[in-house]
Amino acid sequence: MDSMKGQGGIQMLLTAEQEARQIISNAKNLKLTRLKQAKEEAEREVKLYHSNMEAAHQKKISETSGSSGSNVKRLDEETAMRIQSLKESASRVSSDVVAMLIKHVTAVEA
């Protein structure tokens, strides 16, 4: 009878060990599943953050490129004004310059 009790006790231990292995296996699988979910969620957050940063960057670029267009227009206007000013100065002194050149070209030095 003692051998029957011993056999039953060993069988109970083997069953308990098998159940413990199953519990551990389930816990490992659950842990892996949770890690995969956490990784996927982190990847989604990174993608969202990246897209937000990219959108902010594109917005900043569009804002600065718009102001560069106004800078180009302003520089074109300033250049046109300077050219006009130089033309006016040249027209005021051109007769004096022509007269001075004629005087020096026609003057005979001995």
PDB file of N, CA and C in Angstrom:
ATOM      1  N   MET A   1       0.804  -1.177   0.000  1.00  0.00           N
ATOM      2  CA  MET A   1       0.000   0.000   0.000  1.00  0.00           C
ATOM      3  C   MET A   1       0.857   1.253   0.000  1.00  0.00           C
ATOM      4  N   ASP A   2       1.981   1.150   0.689  1.00  0.00           N
ATOM      5  CA  ASP A   2       2.886   2.289   0.697  1.00  0.00           C
ATOM      6  C   ASP A   2       3.439   2.588  -0.702  1.00  0.00           C
ATOM      7  N   SER A   3       3.639   1.534  -1.448  1.00  0.00           N
ATOM      8  CA  SER A   3       4.144   1.755  -2.802  1.00  0.00           C
ATOM      9  C   SER A   3       3.086   2.417  -3.668  1.00  0.00           C
ATOM     10  N   MET A   4       1.821   2.141  -3.403  1.00  0.00           N
ATOM     11  CA  MET A   4       0.744   2.800  -4.124  1.00  0.00           C
ATOM     12  C   MET A   4       0.666   4.266  -3.760  1.00  0.00           C
ATOM     13  N   LYS A   5       0.862   4.549  -2.496  1.00  0.00           N
ATOM     14  CA  LYS A   5       0.857   5.939  -2.055  1.00  0.00           C
ATOM     15  C   LYS A   5       2.043   6.664  -2.659  1.00  0.00           C
ATOM     16  N   GLY A   6       3.181   6.017  -2.698  1.00  0.00           N
ATOM     17  CA  GLY A   6       4.381   6.603  -3.279  1.00  0.00           C
ATOM     18  C   GLY A   6       4.212   6.884  -4.759  1.00  0.00           C
ATOM     19  N   GLN A   7       3.590   5.908  -5.440  1.00  0.00           N
ATOM     20  CA  GLN A   7       3.330   6.089  -6.871  1.00  0.00           C
ATOM     21  C   GLN A   7       2.363   7.240  -7.114  1.00  0.00           C
ATOM     22  N   GLY A   8       1.341   7.314  -6.287  1.00  0.00           N
ATOM     23  CA  GLY A   8       0.357   8.397  -6.416  1.00  0.00           C
ATOM     24  C   GLY A   8       0.983   9.738  -6.117  1.00  0.00           C
ATOM     25  N   GLY A   9       1.865   9.780  -5.126  1.00  0.00           N
ATOM     26  CA  GLY A   9       2.553  11.026  -4.787  1.00  0.00           C
ATOM     27  C   GLY A   9       3.476  11.481  -5.897  1.00  0.00           C
ATOM     28  N   ILE A  10       4.162  10.518  -6.514  1.00  0.00           N
ATOM     29  CA  ILE A  10       5.057  10.854  -7.640  1.00  0.00           C
ATOM     30  C   ILE A  10       4.223  11.333  -8.820  1.00  0.00           C
ATOM     31  N   GLN A  11       3.128  10.674  -9.064  1.00  0.00           N
ATOM     32  CA  GLN A  11       2.248  11.077 -10.166  1.00  0.00           C
ATOM     33  C   GLN A  11       1.716  12.485  -9.926  1.00  0.00           C
ATOM     34  N   MET A  12       1.352  12.790  -8.697  1.00  0.00           N
ATOM     35  CA  MET A  12       0.863  14.142  -8.366  1.00  0.00           C
ATOM     36  C   MET A  12       1.965  15.172  -8.593  1.00  0.00           C
ATOM     37  N   LEU A  13       3.198  14.827  -8.192  1.00  0.00           N
ATOM     38  CA  LEU A  13       4.322  15.739  -8.406  1.00  0.00           C
ATOM     39  C   LEU A  13       4.591  15.960  -9.896  1.00  0.00           C
ATOM     40  N   LEU A  14       4.531  14.909 -10.673  1.00  0.00           N
ATOM     41  CA  LEU A  14       4.730  15.029 -12.113  1.00  0.00           C
ATOM     42  C   LEU A  14       3.634  15.889 -12.749  1.00  0.00           C
ATOM     43  N   THR A  15       2.403  15.686 -12.308  1.00  0.00           N
ATOM     44  CA  THR A  15       1.290  16.487 -12.812  1.00  0.00           C
ATOM     45  C   THR A  15       1.463  17.951 -12.424  1.00  0.00           C
ATOM     46  N   ALA A  16       1.864  18.184 -11.170  1.00  0.00           N
ATOM     47  CA  ALA A  16       2.063  19.564 -10.707  1.00  0.00           C
ATOM     48  C   ALA A  16       3.207  20.221 -11.482  1.00  0.00           C
ATOM     49  N   GLU A  17       4.259  19.442 -11.749  1.00  0.00           N
ATOM     50  CA  GLU A  17       5.392  19.976 -12.507  1.00  0.00           C
ATOM     51  C   GLU A  17       4.961  20.330 -13.932  1.00  0.00           C
ATOM     52  N   GLN A  18       4.156  19.461 -14.523  1.00  0.00           N
ATOM     53  CA  GLN A  18       3.666  19.717 -15.878  1.00  0.00           C
ATOM     54  C   GLN A  18       2.774  20.963 -15.896  1.00  0.00           C
ATOM     55  N   GLU A  19       1.921  21.114 -14.908  1.00  0.00           N
ATOM     56  CA  GLU A  19       1.066  22.298 -14.817  1.00  0.00           C
ATOM     57  C   GLU A  19       1.916  23.558 -14.630  1.00  0.00           C
ATOM     58  N   ALA A  20       2.961  23.449 -13.819  1.00  0.00           N
ATOM     59  CA  ALA A  20       3.851  24.599 -13.595  1.00  0.00           C
ATOM     60  C   ALA A  20       4.544  24.986 -14.898  1.00  0.00           C
ATOM     61  N   ARG A  21       5.000  23.975 -15.648  1.00  0.00           N
ATOM     62  CA  ARG A  21       5.622  24.269 -16.959  1.00  0.00           C
ATOM     63  C   ARG A  21       4.634  24.961 -17.889  1.00  0.00           C
ATOM     64  N   GLN A  22       3.400  24.485 -17.858  1.00  0.00           N
ATOM     65  CA  GLN A  22       2.372  25.093 -18.711  1.00  0.00           C
ATOM     66  C   GLN A  22       2.126  26.547 -18.296  1.00  0.00           C
ATOM     67  N   ILE A  23       2.055  26.795 -17.003  1.00  0.00           N
ATOM     68  CA  ILE A  23       1.849  28.167 -16.501  1.00  0.00           C
ATOM     69  C   ILE A  23       3.018  29.056 -16.912  1.00  0.00           C
ATOM     70  N   ILE A  24       4.238  28.533 -16.759  1.00  0.00           N
ATOM     71  CA  ILE A  24       5.429  29.310 -17.138  1.00  0.00           C
ATOM     72  C   ILE A  24       5.437  29.580 -18.639  1.00  0.00           C
ATOM     73  N   SER A  25       5.087  28.565 -19.416  1.00  0.00           N
ATOM     74  CA  SER A  25       5.031  28.729 -20.868  1.00  0.00           C
ATOM     75  C   SER A  25       3.994  29.782 -21.260  1.00  0.00           C
ATOM     76  N   ASN A  26       2.825  29.733 -20.630  1.00  0.00           N
ATOM     77  CA  ASN A  26       1.788  30.735 -20.898  1.00  0.00           C
ATOM     78  C   ASN A  26       2.253  32.127 -20.509  1.00  0.00           C
ATOM     79  N   ALA A  27       2.955  32.226 -19.380  1.00  0.00           N
ATOM     80  CA  ALA A  27       3.449  33.527 -18.925  1.00  0.00           C
ATOM     81  C   ALA A  27       4.484  34.072 -19.905  1.00  0.00           C
ATOM     82  N   LYS A  28       5.372  33.207 -20.394  1.00  0.00           N
ATOM     83  CA  LYS A  28       6.376  33.644 -21.378  1.00  0.00           C
ATOM     84  C   LYS A  28       5.706  34.114 -22.665  1.00  0.00           C
ATOM     85  N   ASN A  29       4.724  33.356 -23.124  1.00  0.00           N
ATOM     86  CA  ASN A  29       4.008  33.754 -24.343  1.00  0.00           C
ATOM     87  C   ASN A  29       3.291  35.085 -24.151  1.00  0.00           C
ATOM     88  N   LEU A  30       2.662  35.241 -22.985  1.00  0.00           N
ATOM     89  CA  LEU A  30       1.981  36.502 -22.696  1.00  0.00           C
ATOM     90  C   LEU A  30       2.974  37.658 -22.659  1.00  0.00           C
ATOM     91  N   LYS A  31       4.129  37.405 -22.061  1.00  0.00           N
ATOM     92  CA  LYS A  31       5.172  38.440 -21.989  1.00  0.00           C
ATOM     93  C   LYS A  31       5.636  38.814 -23.392  1.00  0.00           C
ATOM     94  N   LEU A  32       5.879  37.829 -24.258  1.00  0.00           N
ATOM     95  CA  LEU A  32       6.291  38.102 -25.630  1.00  0.00           C
ATOM     96  C   LEU A  32       5.226  38.884 -26.387  1.00  0.00           C
ATOM     97  N   THR A  33       3.980  38.510 -26.167  1.00  0.00           N
ATOM     98  CA  THR A  33       2.875  39.225 -26.820  1.00  0.00           C
ATOM     99  C   THR A  33       2.845  40.686 -26.373  1.00  0.00           C
ATOM    100  N   ARG A  34       2.993  40.899 -25.074  1.00  0.00           N
ATOM    101  CA  ARG A  34       2.996  42.267 -24.545  1.00  0.00           C
ATOM    102  C   ARG A  34       4.185  43.059 -25.087  1.00  0.00           C
ATOM    103  N   LEU A  35       5.355  42.414 -25.180  1.00  0.00           N
ATOM    104  CA  LEU A  35       6.532  43.100 -25.726  1.00  0.00           C
ATOM    105  C   LEU A  35       6.313  43.487 -27.185  1.00  0.00           C
ATOM    106  N   LYS A  36       5.712  42.573 -27.960  1.00  0.00           N
ATOM    107  CA  LYS A  36       5.412  42.886 -29.362  1.00  0.00           C
ATOM    108  C   LYS A  36       4.434  44.051 -29.458  1.00  0.00           C
ATOM    109  N   GLN A  37       3.410  44.048 -28.610  1.00  0.00           N
ATOM    110  CA  GLN A  37       2.437  45.147 -28.618  1.00  0.00           C
ATOM    111  C   GLN A  37       3.101  46.460 -28.242  1.00  0.00           C
ATOM    112  N   ALA A  38       3.978  46.421 -27.234  1.00  0.00           N
ATOM    113  CA  ALA A  38       4.669  47.638 -26.801  1.00  0.00           C
ATOM    114  C   ALA A  38       5.566  48.146 -27.912  1.00  0.00           C
ATOM    115  N   LYS A  39       6.246  47.232 -28.606  1.00  0.00           N
ATOM    116  CA  LYS A  39       7.115  47.626 -29.711  1.00  0.00           C
ATOM    117  C   LYS A  39       6.298  48.265 -30.837  1.00  0.00           C
ATOM    118  N   GLU A  40       5.183  47.654 -31.186  1.00  0.00           N
ATOM    119  CA  GLU A  40       4.329  48.199 -32.244  1.00  0.00           C
ATOM    120  C   GLU A  40       3.789  49.567 -31.862  1.00  0.00           C
ATOM    121  N   GLU A  41       3.378  49.706 -30.611  1.00  0.00           N
ATOM    122  CA  GLU A  41       2.867  51.002 -30.148  1.00  0.00           C
ATOM    123  C   GLU A  41       3.967  52.055 -30.186  1.00  0.00           C
ATOM    124  N   ALA A  42       5.163  51.676 -29.765  1.00  0.00           N
ATOM    125  CA  ALA A  42       6.291  52.616 -29.797  1.00  0.00           C
ATOM    126  C   ALA A  42       6.610  53.015 -31.236  1.00  0.00           C
ATOM    127  N   GLU A  43       6.562  52.070 -32.160  1.00  0.00           N
ATOM    128  CA  GLU A  43       6.804  52.384 -33.565  1.00  0.00           C
ATOM    129  C   GLU A  43       5.742  53.332 -34.112  1.00  0.00           C
ATOM    130  N   ARG A  44       4.486  53.112 -33.719  1.00  0.00           N
ATOM    131  CA  ARG A  44       3.410  54.025 -34.162  1.00  0.00           C
ATOM    132  C   ARG A  44       3.652  55.429 -33.620  1.00  0.00           C
ATOM    133  N   GLU A  45       4.050  55.511 -32.345  1.00  0.00           N
ATOM    134  CA  GLU A  45       4.312  56.826 -31.745  1.00  0.00           C
ATOM    135  C   GLU A  45       5.484  57.515 -32.429  1.00  0.00           C
ATOM    136  N   VAL A  46       6.516  56.751 -32.768  1.00  0.00           N
ATOM    137  CA  VAL A  46       7.675  57.320 -33.464  1.00  0.00           C
ATOM    138  C   VAL A  46       7.250  57.838 -34.836  1.00  0.00           C
ATOM    139  N   LYS A  47       6.442  57.046 -35.552  1.00  0.00           N
ATOM    140  CA  LYS A  47       5.969  57.485 -36.867  1.00  0.00           C
ATOM    141  C   LYS A  47       5.121  58.748 -36.748  1.00  0.00           C
ATOM    142  N   LEU A  48       4.254  58.793 -35.753  1.00  0.00           N
ATOM    143  CA  LEU A  48       3.420  59.972 -35.540  1.00  0.00           C
ATOM    144  C   LEU A  48       4.282  61.184 -35.223  1.00  0.00           C
ATOM    145  N   TYR A  49       5.243  61.007 -34.330  1.00  0.00           N
ATOM    146  CA  TYR A  49       6.154  62.099 -33.977  1.00  0.00           C
ATOM    147  C   TYR A  49       6.932  62.566 -35.207  1.00  0.00           C
ATOM    148  N   HIS A  50       7.413  61.612 -35.985  1.00  0.00           N
ATOM    149  CA  HIS A  50       8.167  61.946 -37.192  1.00  0.00           C
ATOM    150  C   HIS A  50       7.299  62.727 -38.184  1.00  0.00           C
ATOM    151  N   SER A  51       6.063  62.273 -38.372  1.00  0.00           N
ATOM    152  CA  SER A  51       5.182  62.976 -39.319  1.00  0.00           C
ATOM    153  C   SER A  51       4.843  64.373 -38.809  1.00  0.00           C
ATOM    154  N   ASN A  52       4.660  64.526 -37.484  1.00  0.00           N
ATOM    155  CA  ASN A  52       4.404  65.857 -36.932  1.00  0.00           C
ATOM    156  C   ASN A  52       5.598  66.773 -37.129  1.00  0.00           C
ATOM    157  N   MET A  53       6.791  66.251 -36.880  1.00  0.00           N
ATOM    158  CA  MET A  53       8.000  67.056 -37.046  1.00  0.00           C
ATOM    159  C   MET A  53       8.209  67.418 -38.517  1.00  0.00           C
ATOM    160  N   GLU A  54       7.933  66.475 -39.403  1.00  0.00           N
ATOM    161  CA  GLU A  54       8.069  66.727 -40.839  1.00  0.00           C
ATOM    162  C   GLU A  54       7.074  67.811 -41.282  1.00  0.00           C
ATOM    163  N   ALA A  55       5.848  67.729 -40.774  1.00  0.00           N
ATOM    164  CA  ALA A  55       4.843  68.742 -41.113  1.00  0.00           C
ATOM    165  C   ALA A  55       5.268  70.113 -40.601  1.00  0.00           C
ATOM    166  N   ALA A  56       5.801  70.162 -39.393  1.00  0.00           N
ATOM    167  CA  ALA A  56       6.271  71.443 -38.850  1.00  0.00           C
ATOM    168  C   ALA A  56       7.430  71.977 -39.668  1.00  0.00           C
ATOM    169  N   HIS A  57       8.306  71.090 -40.100  1.00  0.00           N
ATOM    170  CA  HIS A  57       9.450  71.504 -40.918  1.00  0.00           C
ATOM    171  C   HIS A  57       8.977  72.048 -42.268  1.00  0.00           C
ATOM    172  N   GLN A  58       8.054  71.348 -42.897  1.00  0.00           N
ATOM    173  CA  GLN A  58       7.530  71.805 -44.185  1.00  0.00           C
ATOM    174  C   GLN A  58       6.811  73.141 -44.039  1.00  0.00           C
ATOM    175  N   LYS A  59       6.094  73.320 -42.928  1.00  0.00           N
ATOM    176  CA  LYS A  59       5.406  74.586 -42.686  1.00  0.00           C
ATOM    177  C   LYS A  59       6.419  75.710 -42.546  1.00  0.00           C
ATOM    178  N   LYS A  60       7.489  75.452 -41.799  1.00  0.00           N
ATOM    179  CA  LYS A  60       8.529  76.464 -41.607  1.00  0.00           C
ATOM    180  C   LYS A  60       9.199  76.808 -42.940  1.00  0.00           C
ATOM    181  N   ILE A  61       9.452  75.780 -43.750  1.00  0.00           N
ATOM    182  CA  ILE A  61      10.060  76.019 -45.058  1.00  0.00           C
ATOM    183  C   ILE A  61       9.139  76.869 -45.926  1.00  0.00           C
ATOM    184  N   SER A  62       7.840  76.548 -45.917  1.00  0.00           N
ATOM    185  CA  SER A  62       6.906  77.321 -46.745  1.00  0.00           C
ATOM    186  C   SER A  62       6.802  78.762 -46.255  1.00  0.00           C
ATOM    187  N   GLU A  63       6.877  78.954 -44.927  1.00  0.00           N
ATOM    188  CA  GLU A  63       6.829  80.318 -44.400  1.00  0.00           C
ATOM    189  C   GLU A  63       8.068  81.102 -44.789  1.00  0.00           C
ATOM    190  N   THR A  64       9.231  80.486 -44.717  1.00  0.00           N
ATOM    191  CA  THR A  64      10.463  81.204 -45.041  1.00  0.00           C
ATOM    192  C   THR A  64      10.613  81.405 -46.534  1.00  0.00           C
ATOM    193  N   SER A  65      10.125  80.451 -47.338  1.00  0.00           N
ATOM    194  CA  SER A  65      10.241  80.633 -48.783  1.00  0.00           C
ATOM    195  C   SER A  65       9.305  81.750 -49.238  1.00  0.00           C
ATOM    196  N   GLY A  66       8.196  81.923 -48.576  1.00  0.00           N
ATOM    197  CA  GLY A  66       7.297  83.032 -48.907  1.00  0.00           C
ATOM    198  C   GLY A  66       7.952  84.364 -48.620  1.00  0.00           C
ATOM    199  N   SER A  67       8.678  84.455 -47.512  1.00  0.00           N
ATOM    200  CA  SER A  67       9.344  85.715 -47.191  1.00  0.00           C
ATOM    201  C   SER A  67      10.525  85.944 -48.111  1.00  0.00           C
ATOM    202  N   SER A  68      11.153  84.886 -48.627  1.00  0.00           N
ATOM    203  CA  SER A  68      12.256  85.091 -49.560  1.00  0.00           C
ATOM    204  C   SER A  68      11.714  85.654 -50.868  1.00  0.00           C
ATOM    205  N   GLY A  69      10.487  85.300 -51.226  1.00  0.00           N
ATOM    206  CA  GLY A  69       9.863  85.883 -52.413  1.00  0.00           C
ATOM    207  C   GLY A  69       9.665  87.378 -52.236  1.00  0.00           C
ATOM    208  N   SER A  70       9.264  87.805 -51.048  1.00  0.00           N
ATOM    209  CA  SER A  70       9.120  89.238 -50.803  1.00  0.00           C
ATOM    210  C   SER A  70      10.483  89.917 -50.761  1.00  0.00           C
ATOM    211  N   ASN A  71      11.501  89.194 -50.266  1.00  0.00           N
ATOM    212  CA  ASN A  71      12.862  89.747 -50.279  1.00  0.00           C
ATOM    213  C   ASN A  71      13.353  89.962 -51.701  1.00  0.00           C
ATOM    214  N   VAL A  72      13.053  89.035 -52.573  1.00  0.00           N
ATOM    215  CA  VAL A  72      13.454  89.172 -53.977  1.00  0.00           C
ATOM    216  C   VAL A  72      12.764  90.375 -54.594  1.00  0.00           C
ATOM    217  N   LYS A  73      11.503  90.529 -54.309  1.00  0.00           N
ATOM    218  CA  LYS A  73      10.760  91.667 -54.858  1.00  0.00           C
ATOM    219  C   LYS A  73      11.332  92.985 -54.340  1.00  0.00           C
ATOM    220  N   ARG A  74      11.642  93.033 -53.049  1.00  0.00           N
ATOM    221  CA  ARG A  74      12.213  94.238 -52.454  1.00  0.00           C
ATOM    222  C   ARG A  74      13.578  94.548 -53.067  1.00  0.00           C
ATOM    223  N   LEU A  75      14.400  93.527 -53.237  1.00  0.00           N
ATOM    224  CA  LEU A  75      15.723  93.734 -53.841  1.00  0.00           C
ATOM    225  C   LEU A  75      15.607  94.194 -55.293  1.00  0.00           C
ATOM    226  N   ASP A  76      14.643  93.650 -56.022  1.00  0.00           N
ATOM    227  CA  ASP A  76      14.425  94.097 -57.409  1.00  0.00           C
ATOM    228  C   ASP A  76      14.042  95.575 -57.444  1.00  0.00           C
ATOM    229  N   GLU A  77      13.170  95.983 -56.526  1.00  0.00           N
ATOM    230  CA  GLU A  77      12.762  97.388 -56.473  1.00  0.00           C
ATOM    231  C   GLU A  77      13.944  98.291 -56.123  1.00  0.00           C
ATOM    232  N   GLU A  78      14.762  97.879 -55.140  1.00  0.00           N
ATOM    233  CA  GLU A  78      15.931  98.678 -54.755  1.00  0.00           C
ATOM    234  C   GLU A  78      16.925  98.776 -55.906  1.00  0.00           C
ATOM    235  N   THR A  79      17.123  97.687 -56.619  1.00  0.00           N
ATOM    236  CA  THR A  79      18.046  97.686 -57.757  1.00  0.00           C
ATOM    237  C   THR A  79      17.545  98.616 -58.849  1.00  0.00           C
ATOM    238  N   ALA A  80      16.262  98.567 -59.140  1.00  0.00           N
ATOM    239  CA  ALA A  80      15.687  99.448 -60.171  1.00  0.00           C
ATOM    240  C   ALA A  80      15.855 100.909 -59.765  1.00  0.00           C
ATOM    241  N   MET A  81      15.659 101.220 -58.467  1.00  0.00           N
ATOM    242  CA  MET A  81      15.823 102.607 -58.010  1.00  0.00           C
ATOM    243  C   MET A  81      17.281 103.047 -58.142  1.00  0.00           C
ATOM    244  N   ARG A  82      18.219 102.187 -57.814  1.00  0.00           N
ATOM    245  CA  ARG A  82      19.638 102.538 -57.922  1.00  0.00           C
ATOM    246  C   ARG A  82      20.047 102.730 -59.372  1.00  0.00           C
ATOM    247  N   ILE A  83      19.543 101.876 -60.253  1.00  0.00           N
ATOM    248  CA  ILE A  83      19.841 102.031 -61.681  1.00  0.00           C
ATOM    249  C   ILE A  83      19.304 103.359 -62.184  1.00  0.00           C
ATOM    250  N   GLN A  84      18.082 103.694 -61.803  1.00  0.00           N
ATOM    251  CA  GLN A  84      17.485 104.974 -62.221  1.00  0.00           C
ATOM    252  C   GLN A  84      18.314 106.149 -61.706  1.00  0.00           C
ATOM    253  N   SER A  85      18.764 106.068 -60.466  1.00  0.00           N
ATOM    254  CA  SER A  85      19.589 107.120 -59.870  1.00  0.00           C
ATOM    255  C   SER A  85      20.901 107.289 -60.631  1.00  0.00           C
ATOM    256  N   LEU A  86      21.528 106.179 -60.982  1.00  0.00           N
ATOM    257  CA  LEU A  86      22.777 106.249 -61.747  1.00  0.00           C
ATOM    258  C   LEU A  86      22.547 106.833 -63.142  1.00  0.00           C
ATOM    259  N   LYS A  87      21.443 106.476 -63.773  1.00  0.00           N
ATOM    260  CA  LYS A  87      21.126 107.042 -65.093  1.00  0.00           C
ATOM    261  C   LYS A  87      20.932 108.555 -65.009  1.00  0.00           C
ATOM    262  N   GLU A  88      20.239 108.999 -63.961  1.00  0.00           N
ATOM    263  CA  GLU A  88      20.012 110.437 -63.792  1.00  0.00           C
ATOM    264  C   GLU A  88      21.332 111.161 -63.550  1.00  0.00           C
ATOM    265  N   SER A  89      22.206 110.599 -62.725  1.00  0.00           N
ATOM    266  CA  SER A  89      23.515 111.212 -62.471  1.00  0.00           C
ATOM    267  C   SER A  89      24.333 111.268 -63.749  1.00  0.00           C
ATOM    268  N   ALA A  90      24.302 110.193 -64.521  1.00  0.00           N
ATOM    269  CA  ALA A  90      25.063 110.150 -65.769  1.00  0.00           C
ATOM    270  C   ALA A  90      24.528 111.180 -66.754  1.00  0.00           C
ATOM    271  N   SER A  91      23.230 111.355 -66.834  1.00  0.00           N
ATOM    272  CA  SER A  91      22.672 112.328 -67.778  1.00  0.00           C
ATOM    273  C   SER A  91      22.997 113.757 -67.349  1.00  0.00           C
ATOM    274  N   ARG A  92      23.127 114.020 -66.052  1.00  0.00           N
ATOM    275  CA  ARG A  92      23.479 115.366 -65.584  1.00  0.00           C
ATOM    276  C   ARG A  92      24.915 115.731 -65.928  1.00  0.00           C
ATOM    277  N   VAL A  93      25.830 114.768 -65.819  1.00  0.00           N
ATOM    278  CA  VAL A  93      27.242 115.094 -66.015  1.00  0.00           C
ATOM    279  C   VAL A  93      27.765 114.695 -67.383  1.00  0.00           C
ATOM    280  N   SER A  94      26.933 114.082 -68.204  1.00  0.00           N
ATOM    281  CA  SER A  94      27.422 113.609 -69.506  1.00  0.00           C
ATOM    282  C   SER A  94      27.874 114.759 -70.399  1.00  0.00           C
ATOM    283  N   SER A  95      27.175 115.870 -70.417  1.00  0.00           N
ATOM    284  CA  SER A  95      27.589 116.999 -71.266  1.00  0.00           C
ATOM    285  C   SER A  95      28.919 117.562 -70.788  1.00  0.00           C
ATOM    286  N   ASP A  96      29.135 117.619 -69.464  1.00  0.00           N
ATOM    287  CA  ASP A  96      30.410 118.094 -68.934  1.00  0.00           C
ATOM    288  C   ASP A  96      31.549 117.132 -69.290  1.00  0.00           C
ATOM    289  N   VAL A  97      31.275 115.851 -69.210  1.00  0.00           N
ATOM    290  CA  VAL A  97      32.301 114.852 -69.539  1.00  0.00           C
ATOM    291  C   VAL A  97      32.645 114.923 -71.009  1.00  0.00           C
ATOM    292  N   VAL A  98      31.644 115.057 -71.874  1.00  0.00           N
ATOM    293  CA  VAL A  98      31.884 115.150 -73.320  1.00  0.00           C
ATOM    294  C   VAL A  98      32.701 116.399 -73.621  1.00  0.00           C
ATOM    295  N   ALA A  99      32.353 117.486 -73.000  1.00  0.00           N
ATOM    296  CA  ALA A  99      33.090 118.745 -73.244  1.00  0.00           C
ATOM    297  C   ALA A  99      34.540 118.607 -72.790  1.00  0.00           C
ATOM    298  N   MET A 100      34.761 117.993 -71.648  1.00  0.00           N
ATOM    299  CA  MET A 100      36.114 117.830 -71.140  1.00  0.00           C
ATOM    300  C   MET A 100      36.914 116.907 -72.062  1.00  0.00           C
ATOM    301  N   LEU A 101      36.301 115.835 -72.560  1.00  0.00           N
ATOM    302  CA  LEU A 101      37.006 114.939 -73.474  1.00  0.00           C
ATOM    303  C   LEU A 101      37.370 115.636 -74.791  1.00  0.00           C
ATOM    304  N   ILE A 102      36.428 116.417 -75.327  1.00  0.00           N
ATOM    305  CA  ILE A 102      36.705 117.134 -76.570  1.00  0.00           C
ATOM    306  C   ILE A 102      37.846 118.124 -76.360  1.00  0.00           C
ATOM    307  N   LYS A 103      37.831 118.811 -75.233  1.00  0.00           N
ATOM    308  CA  LYS A 103      38.897 119.792 -74.930  1.00  0.00           C
ATOM    309  C   LYS A 103      40.257 119.117 -74.885  1.00  0.00           C
ATOM    310  N   HIS A 104      40.340 117.960 -74.212  1.00  0.00           N
ATOM    311  CA  HIS A 104      41.636 117.283 -74.084  1.00  0.00           C
ATOM    312  C   HIS A 104      42.072 116.612 -75.383  1.00  0.00           C
ATOM    313  N   VAL A 105      41.112 116.120 -76.163  1.00  0.00           N
ATOM    314  CA  VAL A 105      41.457 115.460 -77.438  1.00  0.00           C
ATOM    315  C   VAL A 105      41.900 116.505 -78.469  1.00  0.00           C
ATOM    316  N   THR A 106      41.264 117.620 -78.470  1.00  0.00           N
ATOM    317  CA  THR A 106      41.567 118.644 -79.494  1.00  0.00           C
ATOM    318  C   THR A 106      42.694 119.572 -79.067  1.00  0.00           C
ATOM    319  N   ALA A 107      43.093 119.532 -77.853  1.00  0.00           N
ATOM    320  CA  ALA A 107      44.182 120.410 -77.414  1.00  0.00           C
ATOM    321  C   ALA A 107      45.497 119.877 -77.954  1.00  0.00           C
ATOM    322  N   VAL A 108      46.282 120.784 -78.522  1.00  0.00           N
ATOM    323  CA  VAL A 108      47.562 120.414 -79.111  1.00  0.00           C
ATOM    324  C   VAL A 108      48.646 120.889 -78.155  1.00  0.00           C
ATOM    325  N   GLU A 109      49.474 119.964 -77.782  1.00  0.00           N
ATOM    326  CA  GLU A 109      50.564 120.336 -76.908  1.00  0.00           C
ATOM    327  C   GLU A 109      51.841 120.301 -77.694  1.00  0.00           C
ATOM    328  N   ALA A 110      52.656 121.305 -77.483  1.00  0.00           N
ATOM    329  CA  ALA A 110      53.887 121.396 -78.269  1.00  0.00           C
ATOM    330  C   ALA A 110      55.073 120.861 -77.525  1.00  0.00           C
TER     331      ALA A 110
END
